[in-house]
Amino acid sequence: MKLSEMSNAPRANKINKVVESRFGFKIDYDNLTFPKAYSLATGLTEGLEAVKRTHGVHTAEKNPKYMEMLMVRESLHRWMVENRQQLITESEMA
């Protein structure tokens, strides 16, 4: 067993509450679709990669905008993983 398998990853709603308390907004998961979540996560990944290519990469963790993008992207990824089974079931019904 790996150590990474032992940790409990926070659920998307928990991350969303932290994002709301720290940055003043939250993601409306009730009206979010998989294509929209994927598109948002992809855009955030591109933004994070852009920061990593700059000279400020060593201080990125101190940059509130970088941390905001990182947390929102993680929240979207968690939401997509949590709801993957629902997507499979819906596609089978169609």
PDB file of N, CA and C in Angstrom:
ATOM      1  N   MET A   1       0.839  -1.179   0.000  1.00  0.00           N
ATOM      2  CA  MET A   1       0.000   0.000   0.000  1.00  0.00           C
ATOM      3  C   MET A   1       0.886   1.244   0.000  1.00  0.00           C
ATOM      4  N   LYS A   2       0.475   2.227  -0.778  1.00  0.00           N
ATOM      5  CA  LYS A   2       1.211   3.479  -0.849  1.00  0.00           C
ATOM      6  C   LYS A   2       0.637   4.473   0.152  1.00  0.00           C
ATOM      7  N   LEU A   3       1.477   5.375   0.618  1.00  0.00           N
ATOM      8  CA  LEU A   3       1.016   6.395   1.549  1.00  0.00           C
ATOM      9  C   LEU A   3      -0.076   7.259   0.940  1.00  0.00           C
ATOM     10  N   SER A   4       0.030   7.520  -0.356  1.00  0.00           N
ATOM     11  CA  SER A   4      -0.972   8.359  -1.009  1.00  0.00           C
ATOM     12  C   SER A   4      -2.347   7.701  -1.020  1.00  0.00           C
ATOM     13  N   GLU A   5      -2.396   6.384  -0.940  1.00  0.00           N
ATOM     14  CA  GLU A   5      -3.667   5.680  -0.913  1.00  0.00           C
ATOM     15  C   GLU A   5      -4.323   5.761   0.459  1.00  0.00           C
ATOM     16  N   MET A   6      -3.560   6.088   1.485  1.00  0.00           N
ATOM     17  CA  MET A   6      -4.080   6.121   2.839  1.00  0.00           C
ATOM     18  C   MET A   6      -4.779   7.435   3.177  1.00  0.00           C
ATOM     19  N   SER A   7      -4.426   8.496   2.525  1.00  0.00           N
ATOM     20  CA  SER A   7      -4.998   9.786   2.877  1.00  0.00           C
ATOM     21  C   SER A   7      -6.416   9.927   2.319  1.00  0.00           C
ATOM     22  N   ASN A   8      -7.225  10.627   3.086  1.00  0.00           N
ATOM     23  CA  ASN A   8      -8.571  10.932   2.628  1.00  0.00           C
ATOM     24  C   ASN A   8      -8.530  12.261   1.895  1.00  0.00           C
ATOM     25  N   ALA A   9      -8.856  12.224   0.622  1.00  0.00           N
ATOM     26  CA  ALA A   9      -8.877  13.448  -0.163  1.00  0.00           C
ATOM     27  C   ALA A   9     -10.158  14.215   0.151  1.00  0.00           C
ATOM     28  N   PRO A  10     -10.067  15.522   0.297  1.00  0.00           N
ATOM     29  CA  PRO A  10     -11.277  16.296   0.582  1.00  0.00           C
ATOM     30  C   PRO A  10     -12.239  16.270  -0.606  1.00  0.00           C
ATOM     31  N   ARG A  11     -13.511  16.283  -0.305  1.00  0.00           N
ATOM     32  CA  ARG A  11     -14.527  16.280  -1.350  1.00  0.00           C
ATOM     33  C   ARG A  11     -14.619  17.670  -1.969  1.00  0.00           C
ATOM     34  N   ALA A  12     -15.205  17.726  -3.151  1.00  0.00           N
ATOM     35  CA  ALA A  12     -15.324  18.983  -3.886  1.00  0.00           C
ATOM     36  C   ALA A  12     -16.068  20.043  -3.079  1.00  0.00           C
ATOM     37  N   ASN A  13     -17.123  19.650  -2.377  1.00  0.00           N
ATOM     38  CA  ASN A  13     -17.890  20.621  -1.595  1.00  0.00           C
ATOM     39  C   ASN A  13     -17.063  21.231  -0.474  1.00  0.00           C
ATOM     40  N   LYS A  14     -16.189  20.437   0.123  1.00  0.00           N
ATOM     41  CA  LYS A  14     -15.329  20.955   1.190  1.00  0.00           C
ATOM     42  C   LYS A  14     -14.326  21.957   0.624  1.00  0.00           C
ATOM     43  N   ILE A  15     -13.727  21.628  -0.508  1.00  0.00           N
ATOM     44  CA  ILE A  15     -12.792  22.558  -1.155  1.00  0.00           C
ATOM     45  C   ILE A  15     -13.534  23.829  -1.555  1.00  0.00           C
ATOM     46  N   ASN A  16     -14.768  23.664  -2.027  1.00  0.00           N
ATOM     47  CA  ASN A  16     -15.578  24.806  -2.444  1.00  0.00           C
ATOM     48  C   ASN A  16     -15.835  25.750  -1.266  1.00  0.00           C
ATOM     49  N   LYS A  17     -16.049  25.206  -0.078  1.00  0.00           N
ATOM     50  CA  LYS A  17     -16.253  26.039   1.105  1.00  0.00           C
ATOM     51  C   LYS A  17     -14.990  26.819   1.452  1.00  0.00           C
ATOM     52  N   VAL A  18     -13.838  26.186   1.288  1.00  0.00           N
ATOM     53  CA  VAL A  18     -12.569  26.872   1.559  1.00  0.00           C
ATOM     54  C   VAL A  18     -12.355  27.985   0.535  1.00  0.00           C
ATOM     55  N   VAL A  19     -12.644  27.698  -0.733  1.00  0.00           N
ATOM     56  CA  VAL A  19     -12.516  28.715  -1.784  1.00  0.00           C
ATOM     57  C   VAL A  19     -13.420  29.902  -1.470  1.00  0.00           C
ATOM     58  N   GLU A  20     -14.645  29.606  -1.040  1.00  0.00           N
ATOM     59  CA  GLU A  20     -15.577  30.693  -0.712  1.00  0.00           C
ATOM     60  C   GLU A  20     -15.064  31.531   0.458  1.00  0.00           C
ATOM     61  N   SER A  21     -14.541  30.880   1.491  1.00  0.00           N
ATOM     62  CA  SER A  21     -14.068  31.634   2.650  1.00  0.00           C
ATOM     63  C   SER A  21     -12.806  32.444   2.350  1.00  0.00           C
ATOM     64  N   ARG A  22     -11.947  31.914   1.481  1.00  0.00           N
ATOM     65  CA  ARG A  22     -10.678  32.598   1.184  1.00  0.00           C
ATOM     66  C   ARG A  22     -10.787  33.631   0.058  1.00  0.00           C
ATOM     67  N   PHE A  23     -11.590  33.307  -0.969  1.00  0.00           N
ATOM     68  CA  PHE A  23     -11.594  34.139  -2.165  1.00  0.00           C
ATOM     69  C   PHE A  23     -12.930  34.809  -2.461  1.00  0.00           C
ATOM     70  N   GLY A  24     -13.969  34.479  -1.685  1.00  0.00           N
ATOM     71  CA  GLY A  24     -15.237  35.194  -1.805  1.00  0.00           C
ATOM     72  C   GLY A  24     -16.181  34.716  -2.890  1.00  0.00           C
ATOM     73  N   PHE A  25     -15.965  33.548  -3.448  1.00  0.00           N
ATOM     74  CA  PHE A  25     -16.900  32.998  -4.429  1.00  0.00           C
ATOM     75  C   PHE A  25     -16.919  31.488  -4.295  1.00  0.00           C
ATOM     76  N   LYS A  26     -17.933  30.871  -4.873  1.00  0.00           N
ATOM     77  CA  LYS A  26     -17.996  29.411  -4.873  1.00  0.00           C
ATOM     78  C   LYS A  26     -18.511  28.943  -6.220  1.00  0.00           C
ATOM     79  N   ILE A  27     -18.286  27.687  -6.501  1.00  0.00           N
ATOM     80  CA  ILE A  27     -18.717  27.086  -7.758  1.00  0.00           C
ATOM     81  C   ILE A  27     -20.105  26.500  -7.555  1.00  0.00           C
ATOM     82  N   ASP A  28     -20.997  26.784  -8.490  1.00  0.00           N
ATOM     83  CA  ASP A  28     -22.362  26.261  -8.438  1.00  0.00           C
ATOM     84  C   ASP A  28     -22.374  24.881  -9.086  1.00  0.00           C
ATOM     85  N   TYR A  29     -22.141  23.848  -8.283  1.00  0.00           N
ATOM     86  CA  TYR A  29     -22.069  22.489  -8.809  1.00  0.00           C
ATOM     87  C   TYR A  29     -23.416  21.987  -9.319  1.00  0.00           C
ATOM     88  N   ASP A  30     -24.509  22.538  -8.811  1.00  0.00           N
ATOM     89  CA  ASP A  30     -25.836  22.090  -9.246  1.00  0.00           C
ATOM     90  C   ASP A  30     -26.086  22.398 -10.718  1.00  0.00           C
ATOM     91  N   ASN A  31     -25.498  23.464 -11.223  1.00  0.00           N
ATOM     92  CA  ASN A  31     -25.706  23.859 -12.617  1.00  0.00           C
ATOM     93  C   ASN A  31     -24.475  23.618 -13.488  1.00  0.00           C
ATOM     94  N   LEU A  32     -23.527  22.842 -12.983  1.00  0.00           N
ATOM     95  CA  LEU A  32     -22.290  22.586 -13.721  1.00  0.00           C
ATOM     96  C   LEU A  32     -22.419  21.300 -14.532  1.00  0.00           C
ATOM     97  N   THR A  33     -21.956  21.341 -15.762  1.00  0.00           N
ATOM     98  CA  THR A  33     -21.953  20.153 -16.621  1.00  0.00           C
ATOM     99  C   THR A  33     -20.519  19.667 -16.769  1.00  0.00           C
ATOM    100  N   PHE A  34     -20.368  18.407 -17.180  1.00  0.00           N
ATOM    101  CA  PHE A  34     -19.022  17.864 -17.375  1.00  0.00           C
ATOM    102  C   PHE A  34     -18.237  18.631 -18.439  1.00  0.00           C
ATOM    103  N   PRO A  35     -18.834  18.939 -19.598  1.00  0.00           N
ATOM    104  CA  PRO A  35     -18.058  19.698 -20.590  1.00  0.00           C
ATOM    105  C   PRO A  35     -17.597  21.060 -20.061  1.00  0.00           C
ATOM    106  N   LYS A  36     -18.468  21.730 -19.316  1.00  0.00           N
ATOM    107  CA  LYS A  36     -18.106  23.036 -18.766  1.00  0.00           C
ATOM    108  C   LYS A  36     -17.004  22.886 -17.702  1.00  0.00           C
ATOM    109  N   ALA A  37     -17.135  21.878 -16.845  1.00  0.00           N
ATOM    110  CA  ALA A  37     -16.110  21.633 -15.812  1.00  0.00           C
ATOM    111  C   ALA A  37     -14.770  21.320 -16.456  1.00  0.00           C
ATOM    112  N   TYR A  38     -14.794  20.497 -17.488  1.00  0.00           N
ATOM    113  CA  TYR A  38     -13.556  20.137 -18.184  1.00  0.00           C
ATOM    114  C   TYR A  38     -12.929  21.368 -18.826  1.00  0.00           C
ATOM    115  N   SER A  39     -13.759  22.183 -19.457  1.00  0.00           N
ATOM    116  CA  SER A  39     -13.268  23.395 -20.105  1.00  0.00           C
ATOM    117  C   SER A  39     -12.649  24.350 -19.083  1.00  0.00           C
ATOM    118  N   LEU A  40     -13.319  24.530 -17.960  1.00  0.00           N
ATOM    119  CA  LEU A  40     -12.785  25.400 -16.905  1.00  0.00           C
ATOM    120  C   LEU A  40     -11.475  24.857 -16.353  1.00  0.00           C
ATOM    121  N   ALA A  41     -11.430  23.557 -16.091  1.00  0.00           N
ATOM    122  CA  ALA A  41     -10.219  22.943 -15.548  1.00  0.00           C
ATOM    123  C   ALA A  41      -9.057  23.064 -16.534  1.00  0.00           C
ATOM    124  N   THR A  42      -9.342  22.899 -17.811  1.00  0.00           N
ATOM    125  CA  THR A  42      -8.306  23.030 -18.836  1.00  0.00           C
ATOM    126  C   THR A  42      -7.762  24.455 -18.876  1.00  0.00           C
ATOM    127  N   GLY A  43      -8.654  25.426 -18.825  1.00  0.00           N
ATOM    128  CA  GLY A  43      -8.223  26.825 -18.812  1.00  0.00           C
ATOM    129  C   GLY A  43      -7.391  27.158 -17.590  1.00  0.00           C
ATOM    130  N   LEU A  44      -7.788  26.627 -16.452  1.00  0.00           N
ATOM    131  CA  LEU A  44      -7.024  26.864 -15.226  1.00  0.00           C
ATOM    132  C   LEU A  44      -5.651  26.202 -15.292  1.00  0.00           C
ATOM    133  N   THR A  45      -5.594  25.013 -15.864  1.00  0.00           N
ATOM    134  CA  THR A  45      -4.306  24.326 -16.020  1.00  0.00           C
ATOM    135  C   THR A  45      -3.376  25.145 -16.900  1.00  0.00           C
ATOM    136  N   GLU A  46      -3.909  25.717 -17.970  1.00  0.00           N
ATOM    137  CA  GLU A  46      -3.091  26.562 -18.848  1.00  0.00           C
ATOM    138  C   GLU A  46      -2.585  27.786 -18.099  1.00  0.00           C
ATOM    139  N   GLY A  47      -3.438  28.382 -17.271  1.00  0.00           N
ATOM    140  CA  GLY A  47      -3.025  29.538 -16.473  1.00  0.00           C
ATOM    141  C   GLY A  47      -1.944  29.175 -15.463  1.00  0.00           C
ATOM    142  N   LEU A  48      -2.098  28.030 -14.834  1.00  0.00           N
ATOM    143  CA  LEU A  48      -1.091  27.575 -13.872  1.00  0.00           C
ATOM    144  C   LEU A  48       0.239  27.283 -14.558  1.00  0.00           C
ATOM    145  N   GLU A  49       0.170  26.674 -15.725  1.00  0.00           N
ATOM    146  CA  GLU A  49       1.396  26.392 -16.478  1.00  0.00           C
ATOM    147  C   GLU A  49       2.084  27.679 -16.912  1.00  0.00           C
ATOM    148  N   ALA A  50       1.298  28.699 -17.249  1.00  0.00           N
ATOM    149  CA  ALA A  50       1.875  29.990 -17.637  1.00  0.00           C
ATOM    150  C   ALA A  50       2.652  30.594 -16.466  1.00  0.00           C
ATOM    151  N   VAL A  51       2.117  30.482 -15.261  1.00  0.00           N
ATOM    152  CA  VAL A  51       2.818  30.989 -14.078  1.00  0.00           C
ATOM    153  C   VAL A  51       4.103  30.203 -13.859  1.00  0.00           C
ATOM    154  N   LYS A  52       4.051  28.894 -14.081  1.00  0.00           N
ATOM    155  CA  LYS A  52       5.235  28.057 -13.876  1.00  0.00           C
ATOM    156  C   LYS A  52       6.354  28.377 -14.863  1.00  0.00           C
ATOM    157  N   ARG A  53       6.014  28.954 -16.001  1.00  0.00           N
ATOM    158  CA  ARG A  53       7.027  29.292 -17.006  1.00  0.00           C
ATOM    159  C   ARG A  53       7.632  30.675 -16.788  1.00  0.00           C
ATOM    160  N   THR A  54       7.157  31.401 -15.786  1.00  0.00           N
ATOM    161  CA  THR A  54       7.674  32.748 -15.551  1.00  0.00           C
ATOM    162  C   THR A  54       8.799  32.721 -14.522  1.00  0.00           C
ATOM    163  N   HIS A  55       9.408  33.860 -14.341  1.00  0.00           N
ATOM    164  CA  HIS A  55      10.481  33.973 -13.359  1.00  0.00           C
ATOM    165  C   HIS A  55       9.941  33.909 -11.923  1.00  0.00           C
ATOM    166  N   GLY A  56       8.626  34.072 -11.740  1.00  0.00           N
ATOM    167  CA  GLY A  56       8.034  34.056 -10.418  1.00  0.00           C
ATOM    168  C   GLY A  56       7.604  32.682  -9.937  1.00  0.00           C
ATOM    169  N   VAL A  57       8.056  31.643 -10.611  1.00  0.00           N
ATOM    170  CA  VAL A  57       7.644  30.297 -10.246  1.00  0.00           C
ATOM    171  C   VAL A  57       8.054  29.941  -8.817  1.00  0.00           C
ATOM    172  N   HIS A  58       9.131  30.499  -8.345  1.00  0.00           N
ATOM    173  CA  HIS A  58       9.626  30.163  -7.006  1.00  0.00           C
ATOM    174  C   HIS A  58       8.785  30.787  -5.897  1.00  0.00           C
ATOM    175  N   THR A  59       8.018  31.790  -6.244  1.00  0.00           N
ATOM    176  CA  THR A  59       7.163  32.437  -5.250  1.00  0.00           C
ATOM    177  C   THR A  59       5.687  32.262  -5.570  1.00  0.00           C
ATOM    178  N   ALA A  60       5.358  31.322  -6.445  1.00  0.00           N
ATOM    179  CA  ALA A  60       3.972  31.136  -6.878  1.00  0.00           C
ATOM    180  C   ALA A  60       3.045  30.808  -5.718  1.00  0.00           C
ATOM    181  N   GLU A  61       3.536  30.062  -4.728  1.00  0.00           N
ATOM    182  CA  GLU A  61       2.694  29.687  -3.597  1.00  0.00           C
ATOM    183  C   GLU A  61       2.282  30.882  -2.752  1.00  0.00           C
ATOM    184  N   LYS A  62       2.977  31.990  -2.902  1.00  0.00           N
ATOM    185  CA  LYS A  62       2.629  33.215  -2.179  1.00  0.00           C
ATOM    186  C   LYS A  62       1.688  34.102  -2.989  1.00  0.00           C
ATOM    187  N   ASN A  63       1.469  33.747  -4.245  1.00  0.00           N
ATOM    188  CA  ASN A  63       0.610  34.524  -5.144  1.00  0.00           C
ATOM    189  C   ASN A  63      -0.842  34.093  -4.940  1.00  0.00           C
ATOM    190  N   PRO A  64      -1.712  34.992  -4.428  1.00  0.00           N
ATOM    191  CA  PRO A  64      -3.105  34.606  -4.170  1.00  0.00           C
ATOM    192  C   PRO A  64      -3.845  34.147  -5.427  1.00  0.00           C
ATOM    193  N   LYS A  65      -3.564  34.741  -6.562  1.00  0.00           N
ATOM    194  CA  LYS A  65      -4.244  34.357  -7.808  1.00  0.00           C
ATOM    195  C   LYS A  65      -3.846  32.939  -8.218  1.00  0.00           C
ATOM    196  N   TYR A  66      -2.585  32.609  -8.065  1.00  0.00           N
ATOM    197  CA  TYR A  66      -2.105  31.263  -8.374  1.00  0.00           C
ATOM    198  C   TYR A  66      -2.779  30.242  -7.470  1.00  0.00           C
ATOM    199  N   MET A  67      -2.831  30.532  -6.179  1.00  0.00           N
ATOM    200  CA  MET A  67      -3.449  29.611  -5.228  1.00  0.00           C
ATOM    201  C   MET A  67      -4.947  29.468  -5.493  1.00  0.00           C
ATOM    202  N   GLU A  68      -5.577  30.555  -5.885  1.00  0.00           N
ATOM    203  CA  GLU A  68      -7.001  30.510  -6.232  1.00  0.00           C
ATOM    204  C   GLU A  68      -7.226  29.579  -7.425  1.00  0.00           C
ATOM    205  N   MET A  69      -6.430  29.737  -8.464  1.00  0.00           N
ATOM    206  CA  MET A  69      -6.571  28.873  -9.643  1.00  0.00           C
ATOM    207  C   MET A  69      -6.306  27.419  -9.279  1.00  0.00           C
ATOM    208  N   LEU A  70      -5.309  27.181  -8.452  1.00  0.00           N
ATOM    209  CA  LEU A  70      -4.958  25.825  -8.045  1.00  0.00           C
ATOM    210  C   LEU A  70      -6.100  25.160  -7.263  1.00  0.00           C
ATOM    211  N   MET A  71      -6.679  25.888  -6.335  1.00  0.00           N
ATOM    212  CA  MET A  71      -7.759  25.327  -5.523  1.00  0.00           C
ATOM    213  C   MET A  71      -9.030  25.097  -6.340  1.00  0.00           C
ATOM    214  N   VAL A  72      -9.357  26.021  -7.214  1.00  0.00           N
ATOM    215  CA  VAL A  72     -10.559  25.857  -8.043  1.00  0.00           C
ATOM    216  C   VAL A  72     -10.375  24.681  -8.989  1.00  0.00           C
ATOM    217  N   ARG A  73      -9.191  24.553  -9.569  1.00  0.00           N
ATOM    218  CA  ARG A  73      -8.943  23.420 -10.460  1.00  0.00           C
ATOM    219  C   ARG A  73      -9.053  22.098  -9.710  1.00  0.00           C
ATOM    220  N   GLU A  74      -8.493  22.042  -8.512  1.00  0.00           N
ATOM    221  CA  GLU A  74      -8.589  20.821  -7.709  1.00  0.00           C
ATOM    222  C   GLU A  74     -10.045  20.513  -7.369  1.00  0.00           C
ATOM    223  N   SER A  75     -10.793  21.535  -7.050  1.00  0.00           N
ATOM    224  CA  SER A  75     -12.215  21.355  -6.749  1.00  0.00           C
ATOM    225  C   SER A  75     -12.966  20.805  -7.956  1.00  0.00           C
ATOM    226  N   LEU A  76     -12.680  21.328  -9.130  1.00  0.00           N
ATOM    227  CA  LEU A  76     -13.324  20.835 -10.357  1.00  0.00           C
ATOM    228  C   LEU A  76     -12.931  19.387 -10.639  1.00  0.00           C
ATOM    229  N   HIS A  77     -11.655  19.068 -10.448  1.00  0.00           N
ATOM    230  CA  HIS A  77     -11.206  17.691 -10.662  1.00  0.00           C
ATOM    231  C   HIS A  77     -11.910  16.738  -9.709  1.00  0.00           C
ATOM    232  N   ARG A  78     -12.007  17.126  -8.452  1.00  0.00           N
ATOM    233  CA  ARG A  78     -12.694  16.274  -7.465  1.00  0.00           C
ATOM    234  C   ARG A  78     -14.154  16.074  -7.848  1.00  0.00           C
ATOM    235  N   TRP A  79     -14.810  17.154  -8.268  1.00  0.00           N
ATOM    236  CA  TRP A  79     -16.220  17.072  -8.662  1.00  0.00           C
ATOM    237  C   TRP A  79     -16.386  16.114  -9.834  1.00  0.00           C
ATOM    238  N   MET A  80     -15.499  16.199 -10.815  1.00  0.00           N
ATOM    239  CA  MET A  80     -15.602  15.316 -11.978  1.00  0.00           C
ATOM    240  C   MET A  80     -15.391  13.857 -11.578  1.00  0.00           C
ATOM    241  N   VAL A  81     -14.448  13.588 -10.692  1.00  0.00           N
ATOM    242  CA  VAL A  81     -14.199  12.221 -10.233  1.00  0.00           C
ATOM    243  C   VAL A  81     -15.390  11.706  -9.425  1.00  0.00           C
ATOM    244  N   GLU A  82     -15.908  12.538  -8.534  1.00  0.00           N
ATOM    245  CA  GLU A  82     -17.044  12.136  -7.710  1.00  0.00           C
ATOM    246  C   GLU A  82     -18.286  11.829  -8.540  1.00  0.00           C
ATOM    247  N   ASN A  83     -18.436  12.529  -9.647  1.00  0.00           N
ATOM    248  CA  ASN A  83     -19.643  12.376 -10.459  1.00  0.00           C
ATOM    249  C   ASN A  83     -19.424  11.536 -11.707  1.00  0.00           C
ATOM    250  N   ARG A  84     -18.278  10.915 -11.822  1.00  0.00           N
ATOM    251  CA  ARG A  84     -17.970  10.077 -12.988  1.00  0.00           C
ATOM    252  C   ARG A  84     -18.968   8.936 -13.129  1.00  0.00           C
ATOM    253  N   GLN A  85     -19.288   8.290 -12.030  1.00  0.00           N
ATOM    254  CA  GLN A  85     -20.237   7.171 -12.078  1.00  0.00           C
ATOM    255  C   GLN A  85     -21.595   7.638 -12.578  1.00  0.00           C
ATOM    256  N   GLN A  86     -22.015   8.818 -12.161  1.00  0.00           N
ATOM    257  CA  GLN A  86     -23.290   9.367 -12.611  1.00  0.00           C
ATOM    258  C   GLN A  86     -23.263   9.576 -14.127  1.00  0.00           C
ATOM    259  N   LEU A  87     -22.156  10.060 -14.661  1.00  0.00           N
ATOM    260  CA  LEU A  87     -22.030  10.281 -16.102  1.00  0.00           C
ATOM    261  C   LEU A  87     -22.101   8.962 -16.854  1.00  0.00           C
ATOM    262  N   ILE A  88     -21.446   7.941 -16.351  1.00  0.00           N
ATOM    263  CA  ILE A  88     -21.469   6.634 -17.008  1.00  0.00           C
ATOM    264  C   ILE A  88     -22.891   6.083 -17.027  1.00  0.00           C
ATOM    265  N   THR A  89     -23.589   6.188 -15.937  1.00  0.00           N
ATOM    266  CA  THR A  89     -24.960   5.695 -15.845  1.00  0.00           C
ATOM    267  C   THR A  89     -25.873   6.452 -16.804  1.00  0.00           C
ATOM    268  N   GLU A  90     -25.737   7.761 -16.870  1.00  0.00           N
ATOM    269  CA  GLU A  90     -26.571   8.561 -17.769  1.00  0.00           C
ATOM    270  C   GLU A  90     -26.300   8.207 -19.229  1.00  0.00           C
ATOM    271  N   SER A  91     -25.041   7.983 -19.584  1.00  0.00           N
ATOM    272  CA  SER A  91     -24.721   7.647 -20.968  1.00  0.00           C
ATOM    273  C   SER A  91     -25.226   6.253 -21.330  1.00  0.00           C
ATOM    274  N   GLU A  92     -25.227   5.336 -20.369  1.00  0.00           N
ATOM    275  CA  GLU A  92     -25.770   3.996 -20.622  1.00  0.00           C
ATOM    276  C   GLU A  92     -27.260   4.037 -20.852  1.00  0.00           C
ATOM    277  N   MET A  93     -27.954   4.929 -20.148  1.00  0.00           N
ATOM    278  CA  MET A  93     -29.399   5.060 -20.308  1.00  0.00           C
ATOM    279  C   MET A  93     -29.748   5.619 -21.685  1.00  0.00           C
ATOM    280  N   ALA A  94     -28.915   6.505 -22.178  1.00  0.00           N
ATOM    281  CA  ALA A  94     -29.169   7.107 -23.492  1.00  0.00           C
ATOM    282  C   ALA A  94     -28.931   6.064 -24.561  1.00  0.00           C
TER     283      ALA A  94
END
